Amino acid sequence: MDLERIERNSFLVIGRAGMDLYADPPGAEIEGASRFFACLGGSSGNIAAGIARLGGKASIVTVVSDDAVGRFTVKELRGYGVDTSHVRSVGGEFRNSLAVVETRLENCQSVIYRNGAADFEMTEDDLRGLPFADYGAMILTGTALAAEPSRGAAFSAMERARRAGLPVMLDVDYRPYSWRSGPEAAEAYGKAALSSDIVVGNDDEFAVMAGGPEKGLDRARELAAGGTRIVVYKMGERGAVTFTGAGSFETGIFPVEALKPTGAGDAFLAGFAASLAAGKSLEVSVRRGAAAAAIVVSRVGCAPAMPTLDALEAFLSEHGEHPA
């Protein structure tokens, strides 16, 4: 894998983008809220926005609904500086991803609307003419693998990226409501992981990939063993273990007064990728990803909570890492 290629700081991000509606004010329950705060959502949309906020270039490939929610999503992406020239809209009964979320820690509700999801309509036609060779790396969020024709297009994108010499980063991003069964998810994720240079997921996601909660850590270790693949195994408050062909290392977290549990994974991936692009070491990049995650869970929203580079540097200078 050519890590130096990532230093071009230009990412092709593939997956879903949508609208998030947060019950307002913070702490309110959805059923008792009288107003909502609207912002960009969807894992790939959030990651692309996070990279752009940290000074990188991000282009997103996705499909949105040809309606007000789809147009809102594209407007928000552009507002963060994300290139939307590879976003297609689709009509009919297909609808954009929509999440209704609470800003609270205890019993936080997140209601996701994914019936007839527009982003699952991504096809290989959406990849035609994409200048893969112009980018530094490709990021794929695993939700794109949950249904056809998106699944086939995602695997095709991974193959095209590899032919163009792009490092492929897989954010497992397992959402059980998008899949017909666990075994189907395990098969698709397993194939995608073997086609990726960097695999990032949490303990639950690796457990799904491995077919059981007691097998996830071993699966992460096996993916990295004896090769050039990097695997980041996140464990929430227990930090993370990063595996490479040369061994492994543990990293901790940055304790903050969290407002909500959502958004940490997207922020981690954005901070991690942007740090690699800045020429930081692998271990430093994992730590900076953890710092970005800590910042986002302490703010309202996900995309609007993503730190700028100055904010991330200030946070790191003021907060110590809690050991793994």
C-alpha atoms as a PDB file:
ATOM      1  CA  MET A   1       0.000   0.000   0.000  1.00  0.00           C
ATOM      2  CA  ASP A   2       1.233   3.454  -0.936  1.00  0.00           C
ATOM      3  CA  LEU A   3       0.566   5.562   2.185  1.00  0.00           C
ATOM      4  CA  GLU A   4       2.371   8.484   0.567  1.00  0.00           C
ATOM      5  CA  ARG A   5      -0.346   8.551  -2.099  1.00  0.00           C
ATOM      6  CA  ILE A   6      -2.834   9.536   0.624  1.00  0.00           C
ATOM      7  CA  GLU A   7      -0.790  12.705   1.173  1.00  0.00           C
ATOM      8  CA  ARG A   8      -2.362  14.130  -1.981  1.00  0.00           C
ATOM      9  CA  ASN A   9      -5.139  14.955   0.517  1.00  0.00           C
ATOM     10  CA  SER A  10      -7.878  14.323  -2.031  1.00  0.00           C
ATOM     11  CA  PHE A  11     -10.464  11.666  -1.190  1.00  0.00           C
ATOM     12  CA  LEU A  12     -13.169   9.918  -3.207  1.00  0.00           C
ATOM     13  CA  VAL A  13     -15.922   9.020  -0.731  1.00  0.00           C
ATOM     14  CA  ILE A  14     -18.614   6.497  -1.660  1.00  0.00           C
ATOM     15  CA  GLY A  15     -21.828   5.924   0.273  1.00  0.00           C
ATOM     16  CA  ARG A  16     -24.887   7.601   1.694  1.00  0.00           C
ATOM     17  CA  ALA A  17     -25.598  11.221   2.512  1.00  0.00           C
ATOM     18  CA  GLY A  18     -28.850  12.482   3.962  1.00  0.00           C
ATOM     19  CA  MET A  19     -30.644  14.760   6.381  1.00  0.00           C
ATOM     20  CA  ASP A  20     -30.459  14.606  10.181  1.00  0.00           C
ATOM     21  CA  LEU A  21     -33.183  16.143  12.338  1.00  0.00           C
ATOM     22  CA  TYR A  22     -32.075  16.700  15.942  1.00  0.00           C
ATOM     23  CA  ALA A  23     -34.696  17.241  18.626  1.00  0.00           C
ATOM     24  CA  ASP A  24     -34.181  20.739  20.013  1.00  0.00           C
ATOM     25  CA  PRO A  25     -33.176  21.913  22.584  1.00  0.00           C
ATOM     26  CA  PRO A  26     -30.450  19.393  23.509  1.00  0.00           C
ATOM     27  CA  GLY A  27     -31.784  16.891  25.997  1.00  0.00           C
ATOM     28  CA  ALA A  28     -35.301  16.876  24.513  1.00  0.00           C
ATOM     29  CA  GLU A  29     -36.961  13.587  23.585  1.00  0.00           C
ATOM     30  CA  ILE A  30     -38.216  13.235  20.034  1.00  0.00           C
ATOM     31  CA  GLU A  31     -41.819  12.655  21.121  1.00  0.00           C
ATOM     32  CA  GLY A  32     -41.791  15.772  23.275  1.00  0.00           C
ATOM     33  CA  ALA A  33     -39.906  18.105  20.945  1.00  0.00           C
ATOM     34  CA  SER A  34     -41.624  21.117  19.398  1.00  0.00           C
ATOM     35  CA  ARG A  35     -38.795  21.929  16.995  1.00  0.00           C
ATOM     36  CA  PHE A  36     -35.877  20.212  15.264  1.00  0.00           C
ATOM     37  CA  PHE A  37     -32.428  21.251  14.060  1.00  0.00           C
ATOM     38  CA  ALA A  38     -31.736  20.127  10.473  1.00  0.00           C
ATOM     39  CA  CYS A  39     -28.239  19.312   9.208  1.00  0.00           C
ATOM     40  CA  LEU A  40     -26.275  17.073   6.889  1.00  0.00           C
ATOM     41  CA  GLY A  41     -26.248  13.399   7.829  1.00  0.00           C
ATOM     42  CA  GLY A  42     -25.336   9.976   6.488  1.00  0.00           C
ATOM     43  CA  SER A  43     -21.974   8.347   7.173  1.00  0.00           C
ATOM     44  CA  SER A  44     -20.279   9.192   3.868  1.00  0.00           C
ATOM     45  CA  GLY A  45     -21.675  12.714   3.853  1.00  0.00           C
ATOM     46  CA  ASN A  46     -20.411  13.294   7.388  1.00  0.00           C
ATOM     47  CA  ILE A  47     -16.960  11.876   6.608  1.00  0.00           C
ATOM     48  CA  ALA A  48     -16.613  13.985   3.466  1.00  0.00           C
ATOM     49  CA  ALA A  49     -17.664  17.099   5.393  1.00  0.00           C
ATOM     50  CA  GLY A  50     -15.237  16.255   8.199  1.00  0.00           C
ATOM     51  CA  ILE A  51     -12.325  15.897   5.792  1.00  0.00           C
ATOM     52  CA  ALA A  52     -13.215  19.204   4.134  1.00  0.00           C
ATOM     53  CA  ARG A  53     -13.400  20.936   7.530  1.00  0.00           C
ATOM     54  CA  LEU A  54      -9.889  19.678   8.263  1.00  0.00           C
ATOM     55  CA  GLY A  55      -8.564  21.205   5.049  1.00  0.00           C
ATOM     56  CA  GLY A  56      -8.766  18.218   2.718  1.00  0.00           C
ATOM     57  CA  LYS A  57     -10.527  17.761  -0.588  1.00  0.00           C
ATOM     58  CA  ALA A  58     -13.456  15.357  -0.722  1.00  0.00           C
ATOM     59  CA  SER A  59     -15.639  14.258  -3.638  1.00  0.00           C
ATOM     60  CA  ILE A  60     -18.698  12.149  -2.890  1.00  0.00           C
ATOM     61  CA  VAL A  61     -20.366   9.530  -5.092  1.00  0.00           C
ATOM     62  CA  THR A  62     -23.954   8.878  -4.070  1.00  0.00           C
ATOM     63  CA  VAL A  63     -27.572   9.003  -5.204  1.00  0.00           C
ATOM     64  CA  VAL A  64     -30.141  11.303  -3.593  1.00  0.00           C
ATOM     65  CA  SER A  65     -33.888  11.618  -4.039  1.00  0.00           C
ATOM     66  CA  ASP A  66     -35.190  14.155  -6.537  1.00  0.00           C
ATOM     67  CA  ASP A  67     -37.094  16.109  -3.915  1.00  0.00           C
ATOM     68  CA  ALA A  68     -36.601  18.751  -1.236  1.00  0.00           C
ATOM     69  CA  VAL A  69     -34.693  16.430   1.118  1.00  0.00           C
ATOM     70  CA  GLY A  70     -32.287  15.396  -1.641  1.00  0.00           C
ATOM     71  CA  ARG A  71     -31.743  19.018  -2.629  1.00  0.00           C
ATOM     72  CA  PHE A  72     -31.151  19.952   1.013  1.00  0.00           C
ATOM     73  CA  THR A  73     -28.508  17.225   1.243  1.00  0.00           C
ATOM     74  CA  VAL A  74     -26.649  18.430  -1.843  1.00  0.00           C
ATOM     75  CA  LYS A  75     -26.825  22.047  -0.658  1.00  0.00           C
ATOM     76  CA  GLU A  76     -25.338  21.064   2.704  1.00  0.00           C
ATOM     77  CA  LEU A  77     -22.543  19.053   1.113  1.00  0.00           C
ATOM     78  CA  ARG A  78     -21.587  22.005  -1.075  1.00  0.00           C
ATOM     79  CA  GLY A  79     -21.701  24.289   1.945  1.00  0.00           C
ATOM     80  CA  TYR A  80     -18.928  22.234   3.538  1.00  0.00           C
ATOM     81  CA  GLY A  81     -16.885  22.412   0.356  1.00  0.00           C
ATOM     82  CA  VAL A  82     -17.543  18.832  -0.761  1.00  0.00           C
ATOM     83  CA  ASP A  83     -17.472  18.210  -4.517  1.00  0.00           C
ATOM     84  CA  THR A  84     -20.952  17.004  -5.555  1.00  0.00           C
ATOM     85  CA  SER A  85     -20.347  16.688  -9.292  1.00  0.00           C
ATOM     86  CA  HIS A  86     -20.718  12.898  -8.983  1.00  0.00           C
ATOM     87  CA  VAL A  87     -24.044  13.007  -7.114  1.00  0.00           C
ATOM     88  CA  ARG A  88     -27.091  11.825  -9.073  1.00  0.00           C
ATOM     89  CA  SER A  89     -30.751  12.347  -8.187  1.00  0.00           C
ATOM     90  CA  VAL A  90     -33.426   9.712  -8.721  1.00  0.00           C
ATOM     91  CA  GLY A  91     -37.209  10.156  -8.883  1.00  0.00           C
ATOM     92  CA  GLY A  92     -40.145   7.856  -8.268  1.00  0.00           C
ATOM     93  CA  GLU A  93     -40.646   6.259  -4.871  1.00  0.00           C
ATOM     94  CA  PHE A  94     -37.007   6.342  -3.820  1.00  0.00           C
ATOM     95  CA  ARG A  95     -36.331   8.490  -0.777  1.00  0.00           C
ATOM     96  CA  ASN A  96     -33.277  10.060   0.779  1.00  0.00           C
ATOM     97  CA  SER A  97     -31.804   8.754   3.993  1.00  0.00           C
ATOM     98  CA  LEU A  98     -33.390  10.567   6.962  1.00  0.00           C
ATOM     99  CA  ALA A  99     -32.482  10.303  10.651  1.00  0.00           C
ATOM    100  CA  VAL A 100     -34.416  11.752  13.581  1.00  0.00           C
ATOM    101  CA  VAL A 101     -32.053  11.903  16.543  1.00  0.00           C
ATOM    102  CA  GLU A 102     -31.790  13.094  20.131  1.00  0.00           C
ATOM    103  CA  THR A 103     -28.932  15.001  21.743  1.00  0.00           C
ATOM    104  CA  ARG A 104     -28.703  13.122  25.029  1.00  0.00           C
ATOM    105  CA  LEU A 105     -26.645  10.288  26.473  1.00  0.00           C
ATOM    106  CA  GLU A 106     -29.194   8.225  28.380  1.00  0.00           C
ATOM    107  CA  ASN A 107     -31.536   6.167  26.192  1.00  0.00           C
ATOM    108  CA  CYS A 108     -30.655   8.242  23.158  1.00  0.00           C
ATOM    109  CA  GLN A 109     -33.129   7.500  20.380  1.00  0.00           C
ATOM    110  CA  SER A 110     -32.068   7.545  16.731  1.00  0.00           C
ATOM    111  CA  VAL A 111     -34.873   6.738  14.296  1.00  0.00           C
ATOM    112  CA  ILE A 112     -33.615   6.006  10.776  1.00  0.00           C
ATOM    113  CA  TYR A 113     -35.815   6.072   7.677  1.00  0.00           C
ATOM    114  CA  ARG A 114     -34.279   3.849   4.988  1.00  0.00           C
ATOM    115  CA  ASN A 115     -37.251   2.332   3.134  1.00  0.00           C
ATOM    116  CA  GLY A 116     -36.665   2.599  -0.600  1.00  0.00           C
ATOM    117  CA  ALA A 117     -33.322   4.299   0.081  1.00  0.00           C
ATOM    118  CA  ALA A 118     -32.148   6.395  -2.863  1.00  0.00           C
ATOM    119  CA  ASP A 119     -28.455   5.713  -2.220  1.00  0.00           C
ATOM    120  CA  PHE A 120     -28.976   1.982  -2.829  1.00  0.00           C
ATOM    121  CA  GLU A 121     -29.727   2.944  -6.456  1.00  0.00           C
ATOM    122  CA  MET A 122     -26.065   3.702  -7.146  1.00  0.00           C
ATOM    123  CA  THR A 123     -24.968   1.682 -10.201  1.00  0.00           C
ATOM    124  CA  GLU A 124     -21.801   1.155 -12.202  1.00  0.00           C
ATOM    125  CA  ASP A 125     -22.999   3.913 -14.519  1.00  0.00           C
ATOM    126  CA  ASP A 126     -22.361   6.337 -11.661  1.00  0.00           C
ATOM    127  CA  LEU A 127     -18.686   5.329 -11.770  1.00  0.00           C
ATOM    128  CA  ARG A 128     -18.157   5.863 -15.474  1.00  0.00           C
ATOM    129  CA  GLY A 129     -15.799   8.721 -16.189  1.00  0.00           C
ATOM    130  CA  LEU A 130     -14.693   9.046 -12.558  1.00  0.00           C
ATOM    131  CA  PRO A 131     -11.040  10.173 -12.541  1.00  0.00           C
ATOM    132  CA  PHE A 132      -9.855   7.601  -9.969  1.00  0.00           C
ATOM    133  CA  ALA A 133      -6.208   8.330 -10.746  1.00  0.00           C
ATOM    134  CA  ASP A 134      -6.626  11.956  -9.625  1.00  0.00           C
ATOM    135  CA  TYR A 135      -7.381  11.064  -5.996  1.00  0.00           C
ATOM    136  CA  GLY A 136      -5.139  10.153  -3.098  1.00  0.00           C
ATOM    137  CA  ALA A 137      -7.423   7.472  -1.618  1.00  0.00           C
ATOM    138  CA  MET A 138     -10.945   6.074  -1.776  1.00  0.00           C
ATOM    139  CA  ILE A 139     -13.188   5.743   1.267  1.00  0.00           C
ATOM    140  CA  LEU A 140     -16.125   3.324   1.192  1.00  0.00           C
ATOM    141  CA  THR A 141     -18.711   3.150   3.959  1.00  0.00           C
ATOM    142  CA  GLY A 142     -20.083  -0.357   4.371  1.00  0.00           C
ATOM    143  CA  THR A 143     -23.745   0.582   4.265  1.00  0.00           C
ATOM    144  CA  ALA A 144     -23.322   0.794   0.484  1.00  0.00           C
ATOM    145  CA  LEU A 145     -22.821  -2.988   0.482  1.00  0.00           C
ATOM    146  CA  ALA A 146     -26.201  -3.792   2.041  1.00  0.00           C
ATOM    147  CA  ALA A 147     -28.290  -3.979  -1.149  1.00  0.00           C
ATOM    148  CA  GLU A 148     -28.123  -4.140  -4.926  1.00  0.00           C
ATOM    149  CA  PRO A 149     -27.370  -2.429  -7.218  1.00  0.00           C
ATOM    150  CA  SER A 150     -25.265  -0.391  -4.766  1.00  0.00           C
ATOM    151  CA  ARG A 151     -23.337  -3.458  -3.607  1.00  0.00           C
ATOM    152  CA  GLY A 152     -22.150  -4.388  -7.075  1.00  0.00           C
ATOM    153  CA  ALA A 153     -21.234  -0.783  -7.832  1.00  0.00           C
ATOM    154  CA  ALA A 154     -19.262  -0.531  -4.575  1.00  0.00           C
ATOM    155  CA  PHE A 155     -17.224  -3.639  -5.358  1.00  0.00           C
ATOM    156  CA  SER A 156     -16.629  -2.316  -8.864  1.00  0.00           C
ATOM    157  CA  ALA A 157     -15.408   0.989  -7.398  1.00  0.00           C
ATOM    158  CA  MET A 158     -12.965  -0.877  -5.164  1.00  0.00           C
ATOM    159  CA  GLU A 159     -11.579  -2.761  -8.150  1.00  0.00           C
ATOM    160  CA  ARG A 160     -11.261   0.413 -10.228  1.00  0.00           C
ATOM    161  CA  ALA A 161      -9.532   2.193  -7.360  1.00  0.00           C
ATOM    162  CA  ARG A 162      -7.019  -0.606  -6.960  1.00  0.00           C
ATOM    163  CA  ARG A 163      -6.263  -0.609 -10.688  1.00  0.00           C
ATOM    164  CA  ALA A 164      -5.596   3.140 -10.426  1.00  0.00           C
ATOM    165  CA  GLY A 165      -3.228   2.607  -7.488  1.00  0.00           C
ATOM    166  CA  LEU A 166      -5.538   4.210  -4.894  1.00  0.00           C
ATOM    167  CA  PRO A 167      -5.396   2.970  -1.305  1.00  0.00           C
ATOM    168  CA  VAL A 168      -8.895   1.786  -0.360  1.00  0.00           C
ATOM    169  CA  MET A 169     -10.232   2.593   3.115  1.00  0.00           C
ATOM    170  CA  LEU A 170     -13.266   0.631   4.363  1.00  0.00           C
ATOM    171  CA  ASP A 171     -15.361   2.016   7.205  1.00  0.00           C
ATOM    172  CA  VAL A 172     -17.403  -1.072   8.141  1.00  0.00           C
ATOM    173  CA  ASP A 173     -20.402   1.072   9.160  1.00  0.00           C
ATOM    174  CA  TYR A 174     -22.719  -1.855   9.971  1.00  0.00           C
ATOM    175  CA  ARG A 175     -26.385  -0.859  10.256  1.00  0.00           C
ATOM    176  CA  PRO A 176     -28.412  -4.020  10.969  1.00  0.00           C
ATOM    177  CA  TYR A 177     -31.700  -2.564   9.694  1.00  0.00           C
ATOM    178  CA  SER A 178     -30.187  -2.318   6.189  1.00  0.00           C
ATOM    179  CA  TRP A 179     -29.339  -6.020   5.913  1.00  0.00           C
ATOM    180  CA  ARG A 180     -31.526  -9.081   5.355  1.00  0.00           C
ATOM    181  CA  SER A 181     -29.363 -11.263   7.611  1.00  0.00           C
ATOM    182  CA  GLY A 182     -26.144 -11.380   9.593  1.00  0.00           C
ATOM    183  CA  PRO A 183     -24.549 -14.059   7.390  1.00  0.00           C
ATOM    184  CA  GLU A 184     -25.215 -11.943   4.289  1.00  0.00           C
ATOM    185  CA  ALA A 185     -23.500  -8.993   5.969  1.00  0.00           C
ATOM    186  CA  ALA A 186     -20.568 -11.153   7.093  1.00  0.00           C
ATOM    187  CA  GLU A 187     -19.985 -12.416   3.558  1.00  0.00           C
ATOM    188  CA  ALA A 188     -20.101  -8.956   1.968  1.00  0.00           C
ATOM    189  CA  TYR A 189     -17.918  -7.338   4.623  1.00  0.00           C
ATOM    190  CA  GLY A 190     -15.419 -10.170   4.453  1.00  0.00           C
ATOM    191  CA  LYS A 191     -15.040  -9.744   0.702  1.00  0.00           C
ATOM    192  CA  ALA A 192     -14.761  -5.954   1.021  1.00  0.00           C
ATOM    193  CA  ALA A 193     -12.158  -6.172   3.795  1.00  0.00           C
ATOM    194  CA  LEU A 194      -9.937  -8.399   1.658  1.00  0.00           C
ATOM    195  CA  SER A 195     -10.151  -5.805  -1.132  1.00  0.00           C
ATOM    196  CA  SER A 196      -9.207  -2.928   1.199  1.00  0.00           C
ATOM    197  CA  ASP A 197      -5.888  -1.531   2.366  1.00  0.00           C
ATOM    198  CA  ILE A 198      -7.246   0.001   5.569  1.00  0.00           C
ATOM    199  CA  VAL A 199     -10.212  -1.423   7.500  1.00  0.00           C
ATOM    200  CA  VAL A 200     -11.801   0.553  10.341  1.00  0.00           C
ATOM    201  CA  GLY A 201     -14.610  -0.751  12.541  1.00  0.00           C
ATOM    202  CA  ASN A 202     -15.738  -1.201  16.113  1.00  0.00           C
ATOM    203  CA  ASP A 203     -15.863  -4.410  18.116  1.00  0.00           C
ATOM    204  CA  ASP A 204     -19.514  -5.075  17.231  1.00  0.00           C
ATOM    205  CA  GLU A 205     -18.811  -4.594  13.520  1.00  0.00           C
ATOM    206  CA  PHE A 206     -15.858  -6.979  13.503  1.00  0.00           C
ATOM    207  CA  ALA A 207     -18.008  -9.473  15.418  1.00  0.00           C
ATOM    208  CA  VAL A 208     -20.556  -9.383  12.582  1.00  0.00           C
ATOM    209  CA  MET A 209     -17.771  -9.816  10.023  1.00  0.00           C
ATOM    210  CA  ALA A 210     -16.340 -12.763  11.957  1.00  0.00           C
ATOM    211  CA  GLY A 211     -19.660 -14.458  12.708  1.00  0.00           C
ATOM    212  CA  GLY A 212     -19.591 -14.109  16.486  1.00  0.00           C
ATOM    213  CA  PRO A 213     -18.711 -11.646  19.284  1.00  0.00           C
ATOM    214  CA  GLU A 214     -15.841 -13.780  20.522  1.00  0.00           C
ATOM    215  CA  LYS A 215     -14.212 -13.890  17.072  1.00  0.00           C
ATOM    216  CA  GLY A 216     -14.011 -10.204  16.117  1.00  0.00           C
ATOM    217  CA  LEU A 217     -10.584  -9.391  17.561  1.00  0.00           C
ATOM    218  CA  ASP A 218      -9.023 -12.476  16.003  1.00  0.00           C
ATOM    219  CA  ARG A 219     -10.565 -11.575  12.651  1.00  0.00           C
ATOM    220  CA  ALA A 220      -9.063  -8.082  12.832  1.00  0.00           C
ATOM    221  CA  ARG A 221      -5.669  -9.559  13.666  1.00  0.00           C
ATOM    222  CA  GLU A 222      -5.896 -12.094  10.819  1.00  0.00           C
ATOM    223  CA  LEU A 223      -6.734  -9.402   8.259  1.00  0.00           C
ATOM    224  CA  ALA A 224      -3.499  -7.583   9.033  1.00  0.00           C
ATOM    225  CA  ALA A 225      -1.222 -10.564   9.623  1.00  0.00           C
ATOM    226  CA  GLY A 226       1.772 -10.887   7.327  1.00  0.00           C
ATOM    227  CA  GLY A 227       0.773  -8.180   4.879  1.00  0.00           C
ATOM    228  CA  THR A 228       0.475  -4.461   4.312  1.00  0.00           C
ATOM    229  CA  ARG A 229      -3.167  -4.082   5.394  1.00  0.00           C
ATOM    230  CA  ILE A 230      -3.912  -1.799   8.358  1.00  0.00           C
ATOM    231  CA  VAL A 231      -6.827  -2.697  10.634  1.00  0.00           C
ATOM    232  CA  VAL A 232      -8.187  -0.370  13.326  1.00  0.00           C
ATOM    233  CA  TYR A 233     -10.304  -2.198  15.908  1.00  0.00           C
ATOM    234  CA  LYS A 234     -12.228   0.377  17.972  1.00  0.00           C
ATOM    235  CA  MET A 235     -13.579  -0.472  21.422  1.00  0.00           C
ATOM    236  CA  GLY A 236     -15.446   2.652  22.528  1.00  0.00           C
ATOM    237  CA  GLU A 237     -14.359   3.839  25.967  1.00  0.00           C
ATOM    238  CA  ARG A 238     -11.605   1.191  25.996  1.00  0.00           C
ATOM    239  CA  GLY A 239      -9.758   2.858  23.129  1.00  0.00           C
ATOM    240  CA  ALA A 240      -8.556   1.000  20.047  1.00  0.00           C
ATOM    241  CA  VAL A 241      -6.092  -1.626  18.880  1.00  0.00           C
ATOM    242  CA  THR A 242      -4.420  -1.083  15.510  1.00  0.00           C
ATOM    243  CA  PHE A 243      -2.977  -4.100  13.704  1.00  0.00           C
ATOM    244  CA  THR A 244      -0.364  -4.067  10.951  1.00  0.00           C
ATOM    245  CA  GLY A 245       1.772  -6.755   9.397  1.00  0.00           C
ATOM    246  CA  ALA A 246       4.533  -5.751  11.806  1.00  0.00           C
ATOM    247  CA  GLY A 247       2.481  -6.017  14.996  1.00  0.00           C
ATOM    248  CA  SER A 248      -0.032  -3.922  16.914  1.00  0.00           C
ATOM    249  CA  PHE A 249      -0.384  -0.954  19.241  1.00  0.00           C
ATOM    250  CA  GLU A 250      -3.063   0.322  21.609  1.00  0.00           C
ATOM    251  CA  THR A 251      -4.404   3.849  21.889  1.00  0.00           C
ATOM    252  CA  GLY A 252      -6.763   5.474  24.349  1.00  0.00           C
ATOM    253  CA  ILE A 253      -9.532   8.047  24.269  1.00  0.00           C
ATOM    254  CA  PHE A 254      -9.940  11.721  25.131  1.00  0.00           C
ATOM    255  CA  PRO A 255     -12.473  12.105  27.960  1.00  0.00           C
ATOM    256  CA  VAL A 256     -15.007  14.901  27.411  1.00  0.00           C
ATOM    257  CA  GLU A 257     -18.409  15.882  28.706  1.00  0.00           C
ATOM    258  CA  ALA A 258     -20.396  14.148  25.986  1.00  0.00           C
ATOM    259  CA  LEU A 259     -23.823  15.345  24.863  1.00  0.00           C
ATOM    260  CA  LYS A 260     -24.645  12.283  22.742  1.00  0.00           C
ATOM    261  CA  PRO A 261     -23.142   8.985  21.551  1.00  0.00           C
ATOM    262  CA  THR A 262     -23.739   9.524  17.822  1.00  0.00           C
ATOM    263  CA  GLY A 263     -21.237  10.762  15.240  1.00  0.00           C
ATOM    264  CA  ALA A 264     -18.067   9.399  16.842  1.00  0.00           C
ATOM    265  CA  GLY A 265     -17.349   6.842  14.117  1.00  0.00           C
ATOM    266  CA  ASP A 266     -17.694   9.294  11.238  1.00  0.00           C
ATOM    267  CA  ALA A 267     -15.539  11.863  13.057  1.00  0.00           C
ATOM    268  CA  PHE A 268     -12.865   9.258  13.801  1.00  0.00           C
ATOM    269  CA  LEU A 269     -12.603   8.243  10.154  1.00  0.00           C
ATOM    270  CA  ALA A 270     -12.446  11.869   8.970  1.00  0.00           C
ATOM    271  CA  GLY A 271      -9.781  12.802  11.528  1.00  0.00           C
ATOM    272  CA  PHE A 272      -7.794   9.629  10.881  1.00  0.00           C
ATOM    273  CA  ALA A 273      -7.825  10.030   7.087  1.00  0.00           C
ATOM    274  CA  ALA A 274      -7.013  13.745   7.194  1.00  0.00           C
ATOM    275  CA  SER A 275      -4.093  13.096   9.547  1.00  0.00           C
ATOM    276  CA  LEU A 276      -2.623  10.419   7.286  1.00  0.00           C
ATOM    277  CA  ALA A 277      -2.992  12.911   4.425  1.00  0.00           C
ATOM    278  CA  ALA A 278      -1.033  15.454   6.469  1.00  0.00           C
ATOM    279  CA  GLY A 279       1.869  13.004   6.707  1.00  0.00           C
ATOM    280  CA  LYS A 280       1.273  12.046  10.346  1.00  0.00           C
ATOM    281  CA  SER A 281       2.369   8.601  11.494  1.00  0.00           C
ATOM    282  CA  LEU A 282      -0.192   5.812  11.761  1.00  0.00           C
ATOM    283  CA  GLU A 283      -0.237   5.940  15.562  1.00  0.00           C
ATOM    284  CA  VAL A 284      -0.573   9.725  15.657  1.00  0.00           C
ATOM    285  CA  SER A 285      -3.345   9.563  13.046  1.00  0.00           C
ATOM    286  CA  VAL A 286      -5.338   7.074  15.137  1.00  0.00           C
ATOM    287  CA  ARG A 287      -4.994   9.359  18.161  1.00  0.00           C
ATOM    288  CA  ARG A 288      -6.110  12.394  16.172  1.00  0.00           C
ATOM    289  CA  GLY A 289      -9.100  10.418  14.918  1.00  0.00           C
ATOM    290  CA  ALA A 290     -10.016   9.663  18.535  1.00  0.00           C
ATOM    291  CA  ALA A 291      -9.706  13.356  19.381  1.00  0.00           C
ATOM    292  CA  ALA A 292     -12.030  14.327  16.513  1.00  0.00           C
ATOM    293  CA  ALA A 293     -14.546  11.750  17.772  1.00  0.00           C
ATOM    294  CA  ALA A 294     -14.399  13.232  21.281  1.00  0.00           C
ATOM    295  CA  ILE A 295     -15.069  16.711  19.904  1.00  0.00           C
ATOM    296  CA  VAL A 296     -18.115  15.595  17.907  1.00  0.00           C
ATOM    297  CA  VAL A 297     -19.856  13.748  20.760  1.00  0.00           C
ATOM    298  CA  SER A 298     -19.546  16.920  22.847  1.00  0.00           C
ATOM    299  CA  ARG A 299     -21.397  19.047  20.264  1.00  0.00           C
ATOM    300  CA  VAL A 300     -24.823  19.083  18.620  1.00  0.00           C
ATOM    301  CA  GLY A 301     -25.100  17.346  15.254  1.00  0.00           C
ATOM    302  CA  CYS A 302     -22.469  15.383  13.380  1.00  0.00           C
ATOM    303  CA  ALA A 303     -21.357  17.237  10.249  1.00  0.00           C
ATOM    304  CA  PRO A 304     -21.718  20.686  11.892  1.00  0.00           C
ATOM    305  CA  ALA A 305     -19.843  19.366  14.938  1.00  0.00           C
ATOM    306  CA  MET A 306     -16.791  18.295  12.922  1.00  0.00           C
ATOM    307  CA  PRO A 307     -13.700  20.238  14.010  1.00  0.00           C
ATOM    308  CA  THR A 308     -11.617  22.522  11.855  1.00  0.00           C
ATOM    309  CA  LEU A 309      -7.875  21.904  11.847  1.00  0.00           C
ATOM    310  CA  ASP A 310      -7.320  24.783  14.286  1.00  0.00           C
ATOM    311  CA  ALA A 311     -10.005  23.423  16.628  1.00  0.00           C
ATOM    312  CA  LEU A 312      -8.475  19.943  16.539  1.00  0.00           C
ATOM    313  CA  GLU A 313      -5.007  21.282  17.316  1.00  0.00           C
ATOM    314  CA  ALA A 314      -6.381  23.387  20.174  1.00  0.00           C
ATOM    315  CA  PHE A 315      -8.235  20.385  21.604  1.00  0.00           C
ATOM    316  CA  LEU A 316      -5.105  18.222  21.481  1.00  0.00           C
ATOM    317  CA  SER A 317      -3.068  20.888  23.259  1.00  0.00           C
ATOM    318  CA  GLU A 318      -5.664  21.215  26.033  1.00  0.00           C
ATOM    319  CA  HIS A 319      -6.775  17.588  26.545  1.00  0.00           C
ATOM    320  CA  GLY A 320      -4.769  14.564  27.579  1.00  0.00           C
ATOM    321  CA  GLU A 321      -5.334  11.066  26.289  1.00  0.00           C
ATOM    322  CA  HIS A 322      -6.804   8.532  28.698  1.00  0.00           C
ATOM    323  CA  PRO A 323      -4.733   5.326  28.349  1.00  0.00           C
ATOM    324  CA  ALA A 324      -6.310   2.280  26.711  1.00  0.00           C
END
